[in-house]
Amino acid sequence: MNCYETVARLHLYLGRELSTEEITIVQSHLTACPDCECRFHFDMRVMRLIHERCTIEKAPEHLREKVLQFARAPKGEQIDIDPDVEMEIRADIRIDIEE
């Protein structure tokens, strides 16, 4: 496997989406090629950074309850929502409550 083929498979390799045979081939190339190994470590750091920054924290329980109440209500039915909770819903999940 050459560098081009290895780099093309890095995201699949990092995502554990390759067959056992392909994993062995990619690992063998990474061991033998410092440039591709460097690229692998860079891609791994980027994936970790994205995972760390994009992890969603759990919303407060009162907000979750109101969102579920809103989601389960028949379309067009008015729901009384506390103005503060409404602002949280708009800010946190960016939905248009008026629809």
N, C-alpha and C. Protein backbone atom coordinates (compact mmCIF):
# COMPACT_ATOMS: atom_id res chain seq x y z
N MET A 1 0.86 -1.18 0.00
CA MET A 1 0.00 0.00 0.00
C MET A 1 0.90 1.23 0.00
N ASN A 2 0.59 2.18 -0.87
CA ASN A 2 1.38 3.40 -0.93
C ASN A 2 0.79 4.48 0.00
N CYS A 3 1.47 5.61 0.06
CA CYS A 3 1.04 6.70 0.95
C CYS A 3 -0.35 7.21 0.59
N TYR A 4 -0.61 7.39 -0.69
CA TYR A 4 -1.91 7.90 -1.12
C TYR A 4 -3.04 6.98 -0.65
N GLU A 5 -2.86 5.69 -0.84
CA GLU A 5 -3.89 4.72 -0.43
C GLU A 5 -4.05 4.67 1.09
N THR A 6 -2.94 4.82 1.80
CA THR A 6 -3.00 4.80 3.26
C THR A 6 -3.74 6.03 3.79
N VAL A 7 -3.37 7.20 3.30
CA VAL A 7 -4.02 8.43 3.75
C VAL A 7 -5.52 8.40 3.41
N ALA A 8 -5.86 7.83 2.29
CA ALA A 8 -7.27 7.73 1.90
C ALA A 8 -8.05 6.85 2.87
N ARG A 9 -7.37 5.95 3.56
CA ARG A 9 -8.04 5.04 4.49
C ARG A 9 -7.91 5.47 5.96
N LEU A 10 -7.19 6.54 6.24
CA LEU A 10 -6.95 6.92 7.63
C LEU A 10 -8.23 7.16 8.42
N HIS A 11 -9.18 7.85 7.84
CA HIS A 11 -10.41 8.14 8.58
C HIS A 11 -11.20 6.85 8.85
N LEU A 12 -11.18 5.95 7.91
CA LEU A 12 -11.82 4.66 8.13
C LEU A 12 -11.06 3.87 9.20
N TYR A 13 -9.75 3.97 9.17
CA TYR A 13 -8.91 3.30 10.16
C TYR A 13 -9.19 3.87 11.55
N LEU A 14 -9.20 5.20 11.66
CA LEU A 14 -9.47 5.85 12.94
C LEU A 14 -10.88 5.55 13.44
N GLY A 15 -11.82 5.41 12.51
CA GLY A 15 -13.20 5.12 12.88
C GLY A 15 -13.48 3.64 13.05
N ARG A 16 -12.43 2.83 12.96
CA ARG A 16 -12.55 1.37 13.12
C ARG A 16 -13.55 0.77 12.15
N GLU A 17 -13.45 1.22 10.90
CA GLU A 17 -14.37 0.76 9.87
C GLU A 17 -13.69 -0.11 8.81
N LEU A 18 -12.46 -0.54 9.06
CA LEU A 18 -11.75 -1.38 8.11
C LEU A 18 -11.81 -2.84 8.54
N SER A 19 -11.61 -3.71 7.58
CA SER A 19 -11.54 -5.14 7.89
C SER A 19 -10.23 -5.42 8.62
N THR A 20 -10.14 -6.58 9.23
CA THR A 20 -8.93 -6.97 9.94
C THR A 20 -7.72 -6.96 9.01
N GLU A 21 -7.91 -7.43 7.80
CA GLU A 21 -6.83 -7.46 6.82
C GLU A 21 -6.37 -6.04 6.47
N GLU A 22 -7.32 -5.14 6.23
CA GLU A 22 -6.98 -3.76 5.89
C GLU A 22 -6.28 -3.06 7.05
N ILE A 23 -6.71 -3.34 8.27
CA ILE A 23 -6.07 -2.74 9.45
C ILE A 23 -4.61 -3.14 9.51
N THR A 24 -4.34 -4.41 9.29
CA THR A 24 -2.96 -4.90 9.31
C THR A 24 -2.11 -4.21 8.25
N ILE A 25 -2.67 -4.03 7.06
CA ILE A 25 -1.93 -3.39 5.97
C ILE A 25 -1.66 -1.92 6.30
N VAL A 26 -2.67 -1.21 6.80
CA VAL A 26 -2.49 0.21 7.15
C VAL A 26 -1.47 0.35 8.28
N GLN A 27 -1.59 -0.49 9.31
CA GLN A 27 -0.65 -0.42 10.42
C GLN A 27 0.78 -0.68 9.96
N SER A 28 0.94 -1.63 9.07
CA SER A 28 2.26 -1.94 8.53
C SER A 28 2.85 -0.72 7.80
N HIS A 29 2.04 -0.07 7.02
CA HIS A 29 2.52 1.12 6.29
C HIS A 29 2.84 2.24 7.27
N LEU A 30 1.99 2.46 8.27
CA LEU A 30 2.24 3.53 9.24
C LEU A 30 3.53 3.30 10.00
N THR A 31 3.84 2.05 10.29
CA THR A 31 5.07 1.72 10.99
C THR A 31 6.29 2.01 10.12
N ALA A 32 6.15 1.79 8.84
CA ALA A 32 7.29 1.95 7.92
C ALA A 32 7.44 3.35 7.35
N CYS A 33 6.39 4.18 7.43
CA CYS A 33 6.42 5.49 6.78
C CYS A 33 6.23 6.62 7.79
N PRO A 34 7.29 7.34 8.12
CA PRO A 34 7.19 8.42 9.10
C PRO A 34 6.23 9.54 8.68
N ASP A 35 6.14 9.82 7.37
CA ASP A 35 5.23 10.87 6.92
C ASP A 35 3.78 10.50 7.19
N CYS A 36 3.41 9.27 6.85
CA CYS A 36 2.03 8.83 7.07
C CYS A 36 1.73 8.66 8.56
N GLU A 37 2.74 8.23 9.31
CA GLU A 37 2.56 8.11 10.76
C GLU A 37 2.30 9.48 11.37
N CYS A 38 3.02 10.50 10.89
CA CYS A 38 2.81 11.88 11.35
C CYS A 38 1.39 12.32 11.02
N ARG A 39 0.96 12.05 9.80
CA ARG A 39 -0.40 12.41 9.38
C ARG A 39 -1.44 11.70 10.25
N PHE A 40 -1.18 10.42 10.56
CA PHE A 40 -2.08 9.65 11.42
C PHE A 40 -2.22 10.31 12.79
N HIS A 41 -1.09 10.68 13.40
CA HIS A 41 -1.13 11.31 14.72
C HIS A 41 -1.82 12.67 14.67
N PHE A 42 -1.61 13.41 13.61
CA PHE A 42 -2.29 14.69 13.45
C PHE A 42 -3.80 14.48 13.36
N ASP A 43 -4.23 13.55 12.49
CA ASP A 43 -5.67 13.28 12.34
C ASP A 43 -6.28 12.79 13.64
N MET A 44 -5.53 11.99 14.40
CA MET A 44 -6.01 11.49 15.68
C MET A 44 -6.22 12.64 16.66
N ARG A 45 -5.30 13.58 16.69
CA ARG A 45 -5.44 14.74 17.58
C ARG A 45 -6.63 15.60 17.17
N VAL A 46 -6.83 15.78 15.87
CA VAL A 46 -7.98 16.57 15.39
C VAL A 46 -9.28 15.89 15.80
N MET A 47 -9.36 14.58 15.63
CA MET A 47 -10.58 13.85 16.01
C MET A 47 -10.85 13.97 17.51
N ARG A 48 -9.81 13.87 18.32
CA ARG A 48 -9.98 14.01 19.78
C ARG A 48 -10.45 15.41 20.13
N LEU A 49 -9.87 16.41 19.49
CA LEU A 49 -10.26 17.80 19.75
C LEU A 49 -11.72 18.02 19.38
N ILE A 50 -12.13 17.52 18.23
CA ILE A 50 -13.52 17.66 17.82
C ILE A 50 -14.44 16.97 18.81
N HIS A 51 -14.07 15.78 19.23
CA HIS A 51 -14.89 15.05 20.20
C HIS A 51 -15.01 15.82 21.51
N GLU A 52 -13.89 16.36 22.00
CA GLU A 52 -13.91 17.12 23.25
C GLU A 52 -14.77 18.37 23.14
N ARG A 53 -14.65 19.08 22.03
CA ARG A 53 -15.36 20.35 21.87
C ARG A 53 -16.83 20.19 21.50
N CYS A 54 -17.18 19.06 20.92
CA CYS A 54 -18.55 18.87 20.43
C CYS A 54 -19.40 17.99 21.34
N THR A 55 -18.86 17.60 22.46
CA THR A 55 -19.64 16.80 23.39
C THR A 55 -20.74 17.67 23.98
N ILE A 56 -21.94 17.20 23.89
CA ILE A 56 -23.08 17.97 24.36
C ILE A 56 -23.35 17.63 25.82
N GLU A 57 -23.42 18.68 26.62
CA GLU A 57 -23.76 18.47 28.01
C GLU A 57 -25.27 18.28 28.13
N LYS A 58 -25.66 17.55 29.14
CA LYS A 58 -27.08 17.27 29.36
C LYS A 58 -27.79 18.56 29.80
N ALA A 59 -28.91 18.81 29.19
CA ALA A 59 -29.71 19.99 29.53
C ALA A 59 -30.31 19.82 30.93
N PRO A 60 -30.60 20.92 31.62
CA PRO A 60 -31.25 20.82 32.93
C PRO A 60 -32.58 20.08 32.81
N GLU A 61 -32.95 19.37 33.87
CA GLU A 61 -34.14 18.53 33.86
C GLU A 61 -35.41 19.33 33.53
N HIS A 62 -35.58 20.53 34.10
CA HIS A 62 -36.79 21.31 33.82
C HIS A 62 -36.89 21.67 32.34
N LEU A 63 -35.75 21.96 31.73
CA LEU A 63 -35.74 22.29 30.32
C LEU A 63 -36.07 21.06 29.47
N ARG A 64 -35.51 19.93 29.83
CA ARG A 64 -35.80 18.68 29.10
C ARG A 64 -37.28 18.34 29.18
N GLU A 65 -37.87 18.51 30.36
CA GLU A 65 -39.30 18.21 30.52
C GLU A 65 -40.16 19.10 29.62
N LYS A 66 -39.85 20.39 29.58
CA LYS A 66 -40.63 21.31 28.75
C LYS A 66 -40.46 21.01 27.26
N VAL A 67 -39.25 20.68 26.86
CA VAL A 67 -39.01 20.35 25.46
C VAL A 67 -39.80 19.10 25.08
N LEU A 68 -39.78 18.09 25.96
CA LEU A 68 -40.54 16.87 25.68
C LEU A 68 -42.04 17.15 25.65
N GLN A 69 -42.51 18.01 26.55
CA GLN A 69 -43.93 18.38 26.56
C GLN A 69 -44.29 19.07 25.24
N PHE A 70 -43.44 19.95 24.81
CA PHE A 70 -43.65 20.66 23.55
C PHE A 70 -43.64 19.69 22.37
N ALA A 71 -42.70 18.76 22.37
CA ALA A 71 -42.56 17.82 21.26
C ALA A 71 -43.74 16.86 21.17
N ARG A 72 -44.33 16.53 22.29
CA ARG A 72 -45.43 15.56 22.31
C ARG A 72 -46.80 16.21 22.09
N ALA A 73 -46.87 17.51 22.15
CA ALA A 73 -48.16 18.20 21.98
C ALA A 73 -48.60 18.13 20.52
N PRO A 74 -49.90 18.00 20.32
CA PRO A 74 -50.40 18.02 18.93
C PRO A 74 -50.05 19.35 18.27
N LYS A 75 -49.82 19.29 16.97
CA LYS A 75 -49.43 20.48 16.22
C LYS A 75 -50.52 21.54 16.34
N GLY A 76 -50.09 22.75 16.63
CA GLY A 76 -51.02 23.87 16.74
C GLY A 76 -51.55 24.09 18.14
N GLU A 77 -51.37 23.14 19.04
CA GLU A 77 -51.87 23.30 20.41
C GLU A 77 -50.97 24.25 21.17
N GLN A 78 -51.57 25.21 21.85
CA GLN A 78 -50.80 26.17 22.64
C GLN A 78 -50.34 25.52 23.93
N ILE A 79 -49.11 25.79 24.29
CA ILE A 79 -48.54 25.28 25.53
C ILE A 79 -48.06 26.47 26.34
N ASP A 80 -48.44 26.48 27.61
CA ASP A 80 -47.97 27.55 28.49
C ASP A 80 -46.54 27.22 28.91
N ILE A 81 -45.64 28.09 28.51
CA ILE A 81 -44.23 27.90 28.84
C ILE A 81 -43.74 29.15 29.55
N ASP A 82 -43.06 28.93 30.65
CA ASP A 82 -42.45 30.01 31.40
C ASP A 82 -41.52 30.79 30.47
N PRO A 83 -41.58 32.12 30.49
CA PRO A 83 -40.75 32.92 29.58
C PRO A 83 -39.25 32.61 29.68
N ASP A 84 -38.77 32.34 30.90
CA ASP A 84 -37.35 32.00 31.06
C ASP A 84 -37.03 30.68 30.38
N VAL A 85 -37.91 29.71 30.52
CA VAL A 85 -37.71 28.40 29.89
C VAL A 85 -37.79 28.56 28.38
N GLU A 86 -38.72 29.40 27.91
CA GLU A 86 -38.83 29.64 26.47
C GLU A 86 -37.51 30.19 25.92
N MET A 87 -36.92 31.13 26.65
CA MET A 87 -35.65 31.69 26.20
C MET A 87 -34.55 30.63 26.18
N GLU A 88 -34.57 29.73 27.19
CA GLU A 88 -33.58 28.65 27.21
C GLU A 88 -33.76 27.73 26.01
N ILE A 89 -35.01 27.42 25.71
CA ILE A 89 -35.29 26.55 24.57
C ILE A 89 -34.80 27.21 23.29
N ARG A 90 -35.12 28.46 23.12
CA ARG A 90 -34.68 29.17 21.90
C ARG A 90 -33.16 29.24 21.81
N ALA A 91 -32.50 29.49 22.94
CA ALA A 91 -31.05 29.62 22.92
C ALA A 91 -30.34 28.29 22.78
N ASP A 92 -30.85 27.26 23.47
CA ASP A 92 -30.12 25.99 23.52
C ASP A 92 -30.38 25.08 22.34
N ILE A 93 -31.58 25.03 21.86
CA ILE A 93 -31.85 24.10 20.76
C ILE A 93 -32.32 24.79 19.50
N ARG A 94 -32.41 26.10 19.55
CA ARG A 94 -32.66 26.92 18.38
C ARG A 94 -33.86 26.45 17.55
N ILE A 95 -34.99 26.33 18.20
CA ILE A 95 -36.20 25.99 17.46
C ILE A 95 -37.12 27.21 17.45
N ASP A 96 -37.96 27.25 16.51
CA ASP A 96 -38.90 28.36 16.42
C ASP A 96 -40.22 27.90 17.06
N ILE A 97 -40.49 28.36 18.28
CA ILE A 97 -41.66 27.93 19.03
C ILE A 97 -42.96 28.43 18.38
N GLU A 98 -42.89 29.47 17.64
CA GLU A 98 -44.09 30.04 17.06
C GLU A 98 -44.72 29.20 15.96
N GLU A 99 -43.97 28.23 15.42
CA GLU A 99 -44.52 27.40 14.32
C GLU A 99 -45.58 26.45 14.82
